[in-house]
């Protein structure tokens, strides 16, 4: 199950981005400590503006994935999806902002990280948004923030030059969103949930789907990009 595309959209792009970043290699001087300032984003206002453009579009992307609104039940589902699409990025963005300001060195007010945290929350909730209740969306967004932050730090540790954290946002959080469907969602709510926390058996299917996406997209990306 993937309501609006954590796996089929975001994880696909994230895996492709990871393969591309590895094959292309880092920009000249990227890992030279003396040139670190040369690789900072040039416009924080544009970064924030772009984030809000994307967030606004997500309200078409996720609620629109109901594909219709001809009955009361479907309209109610679209409303739940919109609420989940609001709560998850709010929690994720604030958590990443807090971590970078208080916990993780150099402990700065990182607005760019805040924006990527918002996107991480959006990607994380995209698959389960139609199957979970709002309180579950809060948890999914919080875990998505940790997944994003961990993946972003791992890319730097491995010296993979992912310019805009595409893999951390879309690949890692896309994977988490796909798996979250297997953990959350109460079948008794009648909105399609079948999570293991409620005795469901969806998790195995979600894991297989994630493996297939990784192998298919990763393999094809290598075939296409390596000869270039």
Protein backbone atom coordinates (compact mmCIF):
# COMPACT_ATOMS: atom_id res chain seq x y z
CA UNK A 1 0.00 0.00 0.00
CA UNK A 2 1.27 3.43 -0.95
CA UNK A 3 -1.52 6.01 -0.86
CA UNK A 4 0.21 8.88 -2.66
CA UNK A 5 3.75 7.77 -3.51
CA UNK A 6 6.35 7.62 -0.73
CA UNK A 7 7.77 4.63 -2.56
CA UNK A 8 6.64 4.93 -6.17
CA UNK A 9 7.48 8.64 -6.40
CA UNK A 10 9.89 9.79 -3.70
CA UNK A 11 11.91 6.67 -3.03
CA UNK A 12 12.37 6.16 -6.77
CA UNK A 13 13.79 9.67 -7.10
CA UNK A 14 15.89 9.35 -3.95
CA UNK A 15 17.55 6.10 -5.04
CA UNK A 16 18.24 7.58 -8.47
CA UNK A 17 19.75 10.65 -6.82
CA UNK A 18 21.99 8.51 -4.62
CA UNK A 19 23.29 6.52 -7.57
CA UNK A 20 23.85 9.71 -9.55
CA UNK A 21 25.70 11.41 -6.70
CA UNK A 22 28.00 8.40 -6.28
CA UNK A 23 28.74 8.07 -10.00
CA UNK A 24 29.25 11.79 -10.66
CA UNK A 25 31.35 12.23 -7.53
CA UNK A 26 31.75 15.29 -5.32
CA UNK A 27 32.15 18.84 -6.57
CA UNK A 28 35.72 20.15 -6.67
CA UNK A 29 36.85 21.06 -3.17
CA UNK A 30 33.60 19.88 -1.55
CA UNK A 31 35.31 18.09 1.32
CA UNK A 32 38.10 20.61 1.82
CA UNK A 33 37.45 22.15 5.28
CA UNK A 34 38.90 25.48 4.19
CA UNK A 35 36.31 25.78 1.40
CA UNK A 36 33.23 24.72 3.39
CA UNK A 37 31.65 28.19 3.19
CA UNK A 38 31.78 28.05 -0.63
CA UNK A 39 29.12 25.32 -0.65
CA UNK A 40 26.48 26.95 1.53
CA UNK A 41 23.13 27.81 -0.04
CA UNK A 42 23.10 31.24 -1.62
CA UNK A 43 19.55 32.31 -0.70
CA UNK A 44 17.69 31.25 2.42
CA UNK A 45 14.54 33.22 1.42
CA UNK A 46 14.34 31.34 -1.88
CA UNK A 47 14.82 28.07 -0.01
CA UNK A 48 11.89 28.90 2.29
CA UNK A 49 9.74 30.10 -0.60
CA UNK A 50 10.41 26.91 -2.56
CA UNK A 51 9.54 24.80 0.47
CA UNK A 52 6.17 26.48 0.85
CA UNK A 53 5.49 26.07 -2.88
CA UNK A 54 6.12 22.34 -2.49
CA UNK A 55 4.07 22.08 0.70
CA UNK A 56 1.15 23.84 -0.97
CA UNK A 57 1.39 21.46 -3.90
CA UNK A 58 1.31 18.50 -1.54
CA UNK A 59 -2.29 19.37 -0.67
CA UNK A 60 -3.15 18.52 -4.23
CA UNK A 61 -0.77 15.59 -4.36
CA UNK A 62 -2.00 13.75 -1.25
CA UNK A 63 -5.73 14.57 -0.89
CA UNK A 64 -5.97 14.42 -4.69
CA UNK A 65 -4.89 10.79 -4.53
CA UNK A 66 -8.38 9.91 -3.29
CA UNK A 67 -9.12 10.30 -7.03
CA UNK A 68 -12.70 11.40 -6.37
CA UNK A 69 -14.91 13.25 -3.92
CA UNK A 70 -18.38 12.10 -4.87
CA UNK A 71 -19.41 10.67 -1.51
CA UNK A 72 -19.33 11.84 2.08
CA UNK A 73 -16.90 9.08 3.07
CA UNK A 74 -14.39 9.96 0.35
CA UNK A 75 -14.63 13.66 1.20
CA UNK A 76 -14.00 12.83 4.85
CA UNK A 77 -10.97 10.75 3.84
CA UNK A 78 -9.58 13.65 1.81
CA UNK A 79 -9.98 15.85 4.90
CA UNK A 80 -8.08 13.36 7.08
CA UNK A 81 -5.33 13.19 4.45
CA UNK A 82 -5.04 16.99 4.44
CA UNK A 83 -4.77 17.08 8.23
CA UNK A 84 -2.07 14.39 8.20
CA UNK A 85 -0.26 16.29 5.45
CA UNK A 86 -0.17 19.29 7.80
CA UNK A 87 0.80 17.65 11.08
CA UNK A 88 3.64 15.41 9.91
CA UNK A 89 5.78 18.13 8.27
CA UNK A 90 5.16 20.53 11.15
CA UNK A 91 6.52 18.02 13.65
CA UNK A 92 9.40 16.93 11.42
CA UNK A 93 10.52 20.46 10.57
CA UNK A 94 10.47 21.61 14.18
CA UNK A 95 12.30 18.52 15.39
CA UNK A 96 15.11 18.89 12.85
CA UNK A 97 15.36 22.59 13.67
CA UNK A 98 15.59 21.78 17.38
CA UNK A 99 18.20 19.07 16.88
CA UNK A 100 20.45 21.33 14.81
CA UNK A 101 19.99 24.29 17.15
CA UNK A 102 20.44 22.54 20.49
CA UNK A 103 21.80 19.01 20.13
CA UNK A 104 24.00 18.60 17.07
CA UNK A 105 27.14 20.68 16.47
CA UNK A 106 27.73 23.39 15.41
CA UNK A 107 24.34 24.15 17.09
CA UNK A 108 23.07 26.84 14.72
CA UNK A 109 19.59 28.02 13.74
CA UNK A 110 19.57 26.12 10.46
CA UNK A 111 16.67 27.37 8.35
CA UNK A 112 17.70 25.20 5.41
CA UNK A 113 17.60 22.18 7.69
CA UNK A 114 14.19 23.29 8.93
CA UNK A 115 12.95 23.36 5.34
CA UNK A 116 14.36 19.92 4.56
CA UNK A 117 12.81 18.66 7.79
CA UNK A 118 9.42 19.86 6.55
CA UNK A 119 9.95 18.02 3.27
CA UNK A 120 11.06 14.92 5.18
CA UNK A 121 7.79 14.96 7.10
CA UNK A 122 5.82 15.38 3.89
CA UNK A 123 7.59 12.48 2.18
CA UNK A 124 7.18 10.28 5.27
CA UNK A 125 3.42 10.77 5.43
CA UNK A 126 2.77 10.48 1.69
CA UNK A 127 2.33 6.68 1.73
CA UNK A 128 0.35 6.31 4.98
CA UNK A 129 -1.63 9.59 4.82
CA UNK A 130 -4.88 7.86 3.85
CA UNK A 131 -4.56 4.97 6.30
CA UNK A 132 -3.67 6.58 9.64
CA UNK A 133 -5.20 8.90 12.22
CA UNK A 134 -3.74 12.36 12.91
CA UNK A 135 -1.99 11.31 16.13
CA UNK A 136 -0.20 8.59 14.17
CA UNK A 137 0.85 11.18 11.58
CA UNK A 138 2.57 13.12 14.37
CA UNK A 139 4.63 10.05 15.31
CA UNK A 140 5.43 9.24 11.68
CA UNK A 141 6.62 12.82 11.12
CA UNK A 142 8.79 12.73 14.24
CA UNK A 143 10.47 9.50 13.19
CA UNK A 144 10.82 10.88 9.66
CA UNK A 145 12.81 13.81 11.07
CA UNK A 146 15.23 11.40 12.76
CA UNK A 147 15.51 9.31 9.60
CA UNK A 148 16.27 12.40 7.54
CA UNK A 149 18.85 13.76 9.98
CA UNK A 150 20.58 10.40 10.28
CA UNK A 151 20.69 9.87 6.51
CA UNK A 152 21.99 13.41 5.93
CA UNK A 153 24.80 12.89 8.42
CA UNK A 154 25.60 9.49 6.90
CA UNK A 155 25.98 11.01 3.42
CA UNK A 156 28.53 13.47 4.77
CA UNK A 157 30.33 10.76 6.71
CA UNK A 158 30.61 8.69 3.52
CA UNK A 159 31.65 11.83 1.58
CA UNK A 160 28.80 11.46 -0.90
CA UNK A 161 28.06 14.93 -2.27
CA UNK A 162 24.26 15.04 -2.23
CA UNK A 163 23.81 18.73 -2.99
CA UNK A 164 20.26 19.22 -1.68
CA UNK A 165 19.95 16.13 0.55
CA UNK A 166 17.81 14.47 -2.12
CA UNK A 167 18.50 10.95 -0.87
CA UNK A 168 18.03 11.85 2.80
CA UNK A 169 14.69 13.57 2.12
CA UNK A 170 13.22 11.44 -0.65
CA UNK A 171 15.08 8.13 -0.51
CA UNK A 172 15.42 7.51 3.22
CA UNK A 173 12.13 9.13 4.23
CA UNK A 174 10.39 7.53 1.25
CA UNK A 175 11.53 4.16 2.58
CA UNK A 176 10.30 5.07 6.07
CA UNK A 177 6.94 6.23 4.73
CA UNK A 178 6.52 2.95 2.86
CA UNK A 179 7.38 0.93 5.97
CA UNK A 180 5.20 3.11 8.22
CA UNK A 181 2.13 1.76 6.44
CA UNK A 182 3.11 -1.65 7.78
CA UNK A 183 3.32 -0.43 11.37
CA UNK A 184 0.44 2.04 11.70
CA UNK A 185 -3.22 2.08 10.68
CA UNK A 186 -6.03 0.40 12.60
CA UNK A 187 -8.20 -1.89 10.42
CA UNK A 188 -11.16 -1.14 12.69
CA UNK A 189 -11.10 2.52 11.62
CA UNK A 190 -12.30 1.48 8.17
CA UNK A 191 -9.84 3.61 6.17
CA UNK A 192 -7.61 0.83 4.87
CA UNK A 193 -5.05 0.52 7.67
CA UNK A 194 -3.56 -2.89 8.43
CA UNK A 195 -0.58 -2.11 10.67
CA UNK A 196 1.33 -4.63 12.75
CA UNK A 197 0.66 -2.56 15.88
CA UNK A 198 -2.99 -3.51 15.47
CA UNK A 199 -2.42 -7.16 14.60
CA UNK A 200 -2.25 -6.54 10.84
CA UNK A 201 0.00 -8.28 8.33
CA UNK A 202 0.88 -5.47 5.92
CA UNK A 203 4.53 -5.02 6.95
CA UNK A 204 5.91 -7.95 4.96
CA UNK A 205 4.37 -6.66 1.75
CA UNK A 206 5.80 -3.20 2.38
CA UNK A 207 9.30 -4.60 2.93
CA UNK A 208 9.14 -6.60 -0.31
CA UNK A 209 7.93 -3.50 -2.19
CA UNK A 210 10.83 -1.45 -0.81
CA UNK A 211 13.38 -4.08 -1.84
CA UNK A 212 11.93 -4.28 -5.35
CA UNK A 213 12.05 -0.49 -5.76
CA UNK A 214 15.64 -0.29 -4.51
CA UNK A 215 16.85 -3.07 -6.83
CA UNK A 216 14.88 -1.95 -9.87
CA UNK A 217 15.64 1.76 -9.67
CA UNK A 218 19.20 1.30 -8.43
CA UNK A 219 20.01 -1.17 -11.18
CA UNK A 220 18.50 0.88 -13.99
CA UNK A 221 20.10 4.07 -12.67
CA UNK A 222 23.54 2.44 -12.77
CA UNK A 223 22.94 1.17 -16.30
CA UNK A 224 21.82 4.59 -17.51
CA UNK A 225 24.25 6.86 -15.65
CA UNK A 226 27.49 4.89 -15.56
CA UNK A 227 28.20 5.14 -19.31
CA UNK A 228 27.54 8.91 -19.42
